PDB file of N, CA and C in Angstrom:
ATOM      1  N   MET A   1      -4.358-163.014  41.442  1.00  0.00           N
ATOM      2  CA  MET A   1      -4.717-164.054  42.374  1.00  0.00           C
ATOM      3  C   MET A   1      -6.245-164.112  42.478  1.00  0.00           C
ATOM      4  N   PRO A   2      -6.854-165.298  42.260  1.00  0.00           N
ATOM      5  CA  PRO A   2      -8.312-165.409  42.348  1.00  0.00           C
ATOM      6  C   PRO A   2      -8.795-165.289  43.785  1.00  0.00           C
ATOM      7  N   THR A   3     -10.028-164.767  43.943  1.00  0.00           N
ATOM      8  CA  THR A   3     -10.558-164.592  45.289  1.00  0.00           C
ATOM      9  C   THR A   3     -11.489-165.725  45.692  1.00  0.00           C
ATOM     10  N   LYS A   4     -12.025-166.484  44.734  1.00  0.00           N
ATOM     11  CA  LYS A   4     -12.921-167.587  45.045  1.00  0.00           C
ATOM     12  C   LYS A   4     -12.451-168.845  44.335  1.00  0.00           C
ATOM     13  N   THR A   5     -12.823-169.972  44.876  1.00  0.00           N
ATOM     14  CA  THR A   5     -12.556-171.240  44.214  1.00  0.00           C
ATOM     15  C   THR A   5     -13.863-172.015  44.120  1.00  0.00           C
ATOM     16  N   LYS A   6     -13.895-173.028  43.278  1.00  0.00           N
ATOM     17  CA  LYS A   6     -15.118-173.791  43.084  1.00  0.00           C
ATOM     18  C   LYS A   6     -15.481-174.624  44.305  1.00  0.00           C
ATOM     19  N   LYS A   7     -14.497-175.229  44.939  1.00  0.00           N
ATOM     20  CA  LYS A   7     -14.786-176.163  46.025  1.00  0.00           C
ATOM     21  C   LYS A   7     -15.194-175.469  47.314  1.00  0.00           C
ATOM     22  N   VAL A   8     -14.519-174.406  47.680  1.00  0.00           N
ATOM     23  CA  VAL A   8     -14.804-173.763  48.966  1.00  0.00           C
ATOM     24  C   VAL A   8     -15.494-172.421  48.810  1.00  0.00           C
ATOM     25  N   LYS A   9     -15.852-172.047  47.608  1.00  0.00           N
ATOM     26  CA  LYS A   9     -16.636-170.845  47.306  1.00  0.00           C
ATOM     27  C   LYS A   9     -16.066-169.589  47.954  1.00  0.00           C
ATOM     28  N   ALA A  10     -16.845-168.889  48.772  1.00  0.00           N
ATOM     29  CA  ALA A  10     -16.412-167.612  49.338  1.00  0.00           C
ATOM     30  C   ALA A  10     -15.269-167.782  50.345  1.00  0.00           C
ATOM     31  N   ALA A  11     -15.097-168.969  50.889  1.00  0.00           N
ATOM     32  CA  ALA A  11     -14.004-169.203  51.837  1.00  0.00           C
ATOM     33  C   ALA A  11     -12.660-169.313  51.117  1.00  0.00           C
ATOM     34  N   GLY A  12     -12.677-169.238  49.791  1.00  0.00           N
ATOM     35  CA  GLY A  12     -11.439-169.233  49.031  1.00  0.00           C
ATOM     36  C   GLY A  12     -10.601-168.002  49.295  1.00  0.00           C
ATOM     37  N   ARG A  13     -11.189-166.998  49.939  1.00  0.00           N
ATOM     38  CA  ARG A  13     -10.439-165.785  50.284  1.00  0.00           C
ATOM     39  C   ARG A  13      -9.343-166.062  51.305  1.00  0.00           C
ATOM     40  N   PHE A  14      -9.427-167.216  52.000  1.00  0.00           N
ATOM     41  CA  PHE A  14      -8.402-167.564  52.977  1.00  0.00           C
ATOM     42  C   PHE A  14      -7.223-168.290  52.355  1.00  0.00           C
ATOM     43  N   GLY A  15      -7.326-168.618  51.073  1.00  0.00           N
ATOM     44  CA  GLY A  15      -6.232-169.292  50.389  1.00  0.00           C
ATOM     45  C   GLY A  15      -6.046-170.701  50.915  1.00  0.00           C
ATOM     46  N   CYS A  16      -4.798-171.066  51.200  1.00  0.00           N
ATOM     47  CA  CYS A  16      -4.511-172.419  51.679  1.00  0.00           C
ATOM     48  C   CYS A  16      -4.492-172.487  53.203  1.00  0.00           C
ATOM     49  N   ARG A  17      -4.849-171.432  53.876  1.00  0.00           N
ATOM     50  CA  ARG A  17      -4.806-171.422  55.343  1.00  0.00           C
ATOM     51  C   ARG A  17      -6.012-172.129  55.961  1.00  0.00           C
ATOM     52  N   TYR A  18      -5.860-172.629  57.151  1.00  0.00           N
ATOM     53  CA  TYR A  18      -6.896-173.201  58.028  1.00  0.00           C
ATOM     54  C   TYR A  18      -7.393-174.581  57.648  1.00  0.00           C
ATOM     55  N   GLY A  19      -7.044-175.121  56.517  1.00  0.00           N
ATOM     56  CA  GLY A  19      -7.445-176.476  56.148  1.00  0.00           C
ATOM     57  C   GLY A  19      -8.746-176.512  55.356  1.00  0.00           C
ATOM     58  N   LYS A  20      -8.888-177.554  54.561  1.00  0.00           N
ATOM     59  CA  LYS A  20     -10.041-177.656  53.662  1.00  0.00           C
ATOM     60  C   LYS A  20     -11.346-177.880  54.415  1.00  0.00           C
ATOM     61  N   LYS A  21     -11.328-178.710  55.449  1.00  0.00           N
ATOM     62  CA  LYS A  21     -12.551-179.026  56.174  1.00  0.00           C
ATOM     63  C   LYS A  21     -13.142-177.784  56.838  1.00  0.00           C
ATOM     64  N   VAL A  22     -12.310-176.974  57.452  1.00  0.00           N
ATOM     65  CA  VAL A  22     -12.783-175.754  58.108  1.00  0.00           C
ATOM     66  C   VAL A  22     -13.343-174.776  57.080  1.00  0.00           C
ATOM     67  N   ARG A  23     -12.671-174.635  55.946  1.00  0.00           N
ATOM     68  CA  ARG A  23     -13.134-173.705  54.923  1.00  0.00           C
ATOM     69  C   ARG A  23     -14.443-174.144  54.290  1.00  0.00           C
ATOM     70  N   THR A  24     -14.661-175.453  54.095  1.00  0.00           N
ATOM     71  CA  THR A  24     -15.918-175.911  53.523  1.00  0.00           C
ATOM     72  C   THR A  24     -17.071-175.732  54.511  1.00  0.00           C
ATOM     73  N   LYS A  25     -16.834-175.968  55.800  1.00  0.00           N
ATOM     74  CA  LYS A  25     -17.869-175.733  56.806  1.00  0.00           C
ATOM     75  C   LYS A  25     -18.235-174.258  56.879  1.00  0.00           C
ATOM     76  N   LEU A  26     -17.240-173.399  56.810  1.00  0.00           N
ATOM     77  CA  LEU A  26     -17.485-171.958  56.841  1.00  0.00           C
ATOM     78  C   LEU A  26     -18.282-171.521  55.617  1.00  0.00           C
ATOM     79  N   ALA A  27     -17.964-172.058  54.459  1.00  0.00           N
ATOM     80  CA  ALA A  27     -18.678-171.706  53.233  1.00  0.00           C
ATOM     81  C   ALA A  27     -20.142-172.128  53.313  1.00  0.00           C
ATOM     82  N   ALA A  28     -20.416-173.276  53.932  1.00  0.00           N
ATOM     83  CA  ALA A  28     -21.797-173.744  54.072  1.00  0.00           C
ATOM     84  C   ALA A  28     -22.598-172.821  54.989  1.00  0.00           C
ATOM     85  N   VAL A  29     -22.015-172.419  56.109  1.00  0.00           N
ATOM     86  CA  VAL A  29     -22.695-171.537  57.049  1.00  0.00           C
ATOM     87  C   VAL A  29     -22.928-170.165  56.429  1.00  0.00           C
ATOM     88  N   GLU A  30     -21.931-169.632  55.751  1.00  0.00           N
ATOM     89  CA  GLU A  30     -22.068-168.302  55.155  1.00  0.00           C
ATOM     90  C   GLU A  30     -23.104-168.274  54.041  1.00  0.00           C
ATOM     91  N   SER A  31     -23.212-169.337  53.263  1.00  0.00           N
ATOM     92  CA  SER A  31     -24.202-169.345  52.192  1.00  0.00           C
ATOM     93  C   SER A  31     -25.624-169.376  52.753  1.00  0.00           C
ATOM     94  N   ILE A  32     -25.826-170.051  53.887  1.00  0.00           N
ATOM     95  CA  ILE A  32     -27.148-170.079  54.523  1.00  0.00           C
ATOM     96  C   ILE A  32     -27.482-168.736  55.145  1.00  0.00           C
ATOM     97  N   GLN A  33     -26.533-168.133  55.839  1.00  0.00           N
ATOM     98  CA  GLN A  33     -26.835-166.905  56.577  1.00  0.00           C
ATOM     99  C   GLN A  33     -27.045-165.705  55.666  1.00  0.00           C
ATOM    100  N   ARG A  34     -26.549-165.727  54.457  1.00  0.00           N
ATOM    101  CA  ARG A  34     -26.712-164.580  53.562  1.00  0.00           C
ATOM    102  C   ARG A  34     -27.991-164.627  52.743  1.00  0.00           C
ATOM    103  N   LYS A  35     -28.678-165.770  52.759  1.00  0.00           N
ATOM    104  CA  LYS A  35     -29.957-165.878  52.060  1.00  0.00           C
ATOM    105  C   LYS A  35     -31.036-165.157  52.844  1.00  0.00           C
ATOM    106  N   LYS A  36     -32.088-164.760  52.147  1.00  0.00           N
ATOM    107  CA  LYS A  36     -33.242-164.199  52.839  1.00  0.00           C
ATOM    108  C   LYS A  36     -34.019-165.337  53.475  1.00  0.00           C
ATOM    109  N   GLN A  37     -34.442-165.130  54.702  1.00  0.00           N
ATOM    110  CA  GLN A  37     -35.119-166.156  55.479  1.00  0.00           C
ATOM    111  C   GLN A  37     -36.615-165.851  55.594  1.00  0.00           C
ATOM    112  N   LYS A  38     -37.375-166.815  56.043  1.00  0.00           N
ATOM    113  CA  LYS A  38     -38.818-166.654  56.210  1.00  0.00           C
ATOM    114  C   LYS A  38     -39.099-165.944  57.536  1.00  0.00           C
ATOM    115  N   CYS A  39     -39.837-164.858  57.472  1.00  0.00           N
ATOM    116  CA  CYS A  39     -40.175-164.065  58.657  1.00  0.00           C
ATOM    117  C   CYS A  39     -41.183-164.832  59.516  1.00  0.00           C
ATOM    118  N   PRO A  40     -40.953-164.923  60.838  1.00  0.00           N
ATOM    119  CA  PRO A  40     -41.910-165.627  61.697  1.00  0.00           C
ATOM    120  C   PRO A  40     -43.207-164.856  61.929  1.00  0.00           C
ATOM    121  N   PHE A  41     -43.231-163.561  61.630  1.00  0.00           N
ATOM    122  CA  PHE A  41     -44.422-162.747  61.860  1.00  0.00           C
ATOM    123  C   PHE A  41     -45.345-162.730  60.641  1.00  0.00           C
ATOM    124  N   CYS A  42     -44.801-162.421  59.457  1.00  0.00           N
ATOM    125  CA  CYS A  42     -45.651-162.311  58.269  1.00  0.00           C
ATOM    126  C   CYS A  42     -45.540-163.517  57.333  1.00  0.00           C
ATOM    127  N   GLY A  43     -44.509-164.340  57.486  1.00  0.00           N
ATOM    128  CA  GLY A  43     -44.379-165.549  56.685  1.00  0.00           C
ATOM    129  C   GLY A  43     -43.750-165.363  55.324  1.00  0.00           C
ATOM    130  N   LYS A  44     -43.274-164.174  54.989  1.00  0.00           N
ATOM    131  CA  LYS A  44     -42.651-163.902  53.690  1.00  0.00           C
ATOM    132  C   LYS A  44     -41.140-164.138  53.767  1.00  0.00           C
ATOM    133  N   LEU A  45     -40.521-164.353  52.612  1.00  0.00           N
ATOM    134  CA  LEU A  45     -39.078-164.523  52.542  1.00  0.00           C
ATOM    135  C   LEU A  45     -38.401-163.153  52.467  1.00  0.00           C
ATOM    136  N   GLN A  46     -38.517-162.383  53.519  1.00  0.00           N
ATOM    137  CA  GLN A  46     -37.979-161.022  53.519  1.00  0.00           C
ATOM    138  C   GLN A  46     -37.073-160.737  54.705  1.00  0.00           C
ATOM    139  N   ALA A  47     -36.870-161.684  55.599  1.00  0.00           N
ATOM    140  CA  ALA A  47     -36.033-161.444  56.774  1.00  0.00           C
ATOM    141  C   ALA A  47     -34.569-161.548  56.380  1.00  0.00           C
ATOM    142  N   LYS A  48     -33.806-160.552  56.788  1.00  0.00           N
ATOM    143  CA  LYS A  48     -32.386-160.511  56.474  1.00  0.00           C
ATOM    144  C   LYS A  48     -31.589-160.308  57.753  1.00  0.00           C
ATOM    145  N   ARG A  49     -30.442-160.917  57.838  1.00  0.00           N
ATOM    146  CA  ARG A  49     -29.599-160.841  59.025  1.00  0.00           C
ATOM    147  C   ARG A  49     -28.873-159.501  59.067  1.00  0.00           C
ATOM    148  N   LEU A  50     -29.005-158.790  60.182  1.00  0.00           N
ATOM    149  CA  LEU A  50     -28.297-157.527  60.361  1.00  0.00           C
ATOM    150  C   LEU A  50     -26.960-157.743  61.042  1.00  0.00           C
ATOM    151  N   SER A  51     -26.964-158.502  62.122  1.00  0.00           N
ATOM    152  CA  SER A  51     -25.748-158.858  62.841  1.00  0.00           C
ATOM    153  C   SER A  51     -26.017-160.145  63.600  1.00  0.00           C
ATOM    154  N   LYS A  52     -25.146-160.520  64.507  1.00  0.00           N
ATOM    155  CA  LYS A  52     -25.293-161.781  65.228  1.00  0.00           C
ATOM    156  C   LYS A  52     -26.630-161.847  65.952  1.00  0.00           C
ATOM    157  N   GLY A  53     -27.528-162.690  65.481  1.00  0.00           N
ATOM    158  CA  GLY A  53     -28.792-162.917  66.147  1.00  0.00           C
ATOM    159  C   GLY A  53     -29.838-161.837  65.962  1.00  0.00           C
ATOM    160  N   ILE A  54     -29.562-160.800  65.175  1.00  0.00           N
ATOM    161  CA  ILE A  54     -30.521-159.723  64.956  1.00  0.00           C
ATOM    162  C   ILE A  54     -30.980-159.771  63.507  1.00  0.00           C
ATOM    163  N   TRP A  55     -32.300-159.828  63.312  1.00  0.00           N
ATOM    164  CA  TRP A  55     -32.905-159.977  62.004  1.00  0.00           C
ATOM    165  C   TRP A  55     -33.886-158.848  61.759  1.00  0.00           C
ATOM    166  N   HIS A  56     -34.093-158.523  60.480  1.00  0.00           N
ATOM    167  CA  HIS A  56     -35.023-157.460  60.109  1.00  0.00           C
ATOM    168  C   HIS A  56     -35.829-157.924  58.909  1.00  0.00           C
ATOM    169  N   CYS A  57     -37.164-157.778  59.009  1.00  0.00           N
ATOM    170  CA  CYS A  57     -38.053-158.125  57.904  1.00  0.00           C
ATOM    171  C   CYS A  57     -38.404-156.852  57.150  1.00  0.00           C
ATOM    172  N   LYS A  58     -38.174-156.848  55.862  1.00  0.00           N
ATOM    173  CA  LYS A  58     -38.468-155.663  55.050  1.00  0.00           C
ATOM    174  C   LYS A  58     -39.961-155.538  54.763  1.00  0.00           C
ATOM    175  N   LYS A  59     -40.690-156.639  54.805  1.00  0.00           N
ATOM    176  CA  LYS A  59     -42.121-156.609  54.513  1.00  0.00           C
ATOM    177  C   LYS A  59     -42.914-155.989  55.661  1.00  0.00           C
ATOM    178  N   CYS A  60     -42.766-156.535  56.867  1.00  0.00           N
ATOM    179  CA  CYS A  60     -43.546-156.034  57.999  1.00  0.00           C
ATOM    180  C   CYS A  60     -42.741-155.052  58.859  1.00  0.00           C
ATOM    181  N   ASP A  61     -41.496-154.781  58.477  1.00  0.00           N
ATOM    182  CA  ASP A  61     -40.627-153.801  59.122  1.00  0.00           C
ATOM    183  C   ASP A  61     -40.423-154.082  60.613  1.00  0.00           C
ATOM    184  N   LYS A  62     -40.300-155.367  60.960  1.00  0.00           N
ATOM    185  CA  LYS A  62     -40.029-155.744  62.351  1.00  0.00           C
ATOM    186  C   LYS A  62     -38.573-156.122  62.487  1.00  0.00           C
ATOM    187  N   LYS A  63     -38.004-155.765  63.609  1.00  0.00           N
ATOM    188  CA  LYS A  63     -36.644-156.158  63.953  1.00  0.00           C
ATOM    189  C   LYS A  63     -36.761-157.083  65.154  1.00  0.00           C
ATOM    190  N   PHE A  64     -36.138-158.247  65.068  1.00  0.00           N
ATOM    191  CA  PHE A  64     -36.289-159.224  66.133  1.00  0.00           C
ATOM    192  C   PHE A  64     -35.001-160.014  66.317  1.00  0.00           C
ATOM    193  N   ALA A  65     -34.913-160.676  67.471  1.00  0.00           N
ATOM    194  CA  ALA A  65     -33.755-161.511  67.777  1.00  0.00           C
ATOM    195  C   ALA A  65     -34.143-162.977  67.627  1.00  0.00           C
ATOM    196  N   SER A  66     -33.209-163.759  67.106  1.00  0.00           N
ATOM    197  CA  SER A  66     -33.437-165.188  66.928  1.00  0.00           C
ATOM    198  C   SER A  66     -32.086-165.879  66.866  1.00  0.00           C
ATOM    199  N   ASN A  67     -32.022-166.981  66.144  1.00  0.00           N
ATOM    200  CA  ASN A  67     -30.766-167.727  66.034  1.00  0.00           C
ATOM    201  C   ASN A  67     -29.689-166.883  65.361  1.00  0.00           C
ATOM    202  N   THR A  68     -28.459-167.297  65.542  1.00  0.00           N
ATOM    203  CA  THR A  68     -27.329-166.516  65.060  1.00  0.00           C
ATOM    204  C   THR A  68     -27.184-166.547  63.554  1.00  0.00           C
ATOM    205  N   TYR A  69     -27.207-167.720  62.939  1.00  0.00           N
ATOM    206  CA  TYR A  69     -26.883-167.828  61.530  1.00  0.00           C
ATOM    207  C   TYR A  69     -28.080-167.999  60.610  1.00  0.00           C
ATOM    208  N   HIS A  70     -29.144-168.649  61.060  1.00  0.00           N
ATOM    209  CA  HIS A  70     -30.326-168.825  60.207  1.00  0.00           C
ATOM    210  C   HIS A  70     -31.560-168.994  61.071  1.00  0.00           C
ATOM    211  N   LEU A  71     -32.705-168.689  60.494  1.00  0.00           N
ATOM    212  CA  LEU A  71     -33.975-168.847  61.206  1.00  0.00           C
ATOM    213  C   LEU A  71     -34.527-170.235  60.983  1.00  0.00           C
ATOM    214  N   ASP A  72     -35.153-170.799  61.973  1.00  0.00           N
ATOM    215  CA  ASP A  72     -35.751-172.128  61.833  1.00  0.00           C
ATOM    216  C   ASP A  72     -37.221-172.045  61.585  1.00  0.00           C
TER     217      ASP A  72
END
């Protein structure tokens, strides 16, 4: 059984459950939150999400709170 599909990407792990619209929205949010974000302190693309709203920059070694899924 495949774990990913082309249309819904990582949300393919849910199979046919929850509907296509919900799975595509989830895949969009997850792809954004797993990327490295721009740190507001040093400006480098090194900030990574640790948990809900908690971010850590590997360059300047700061841990800070911000938005839940992505930094603006």
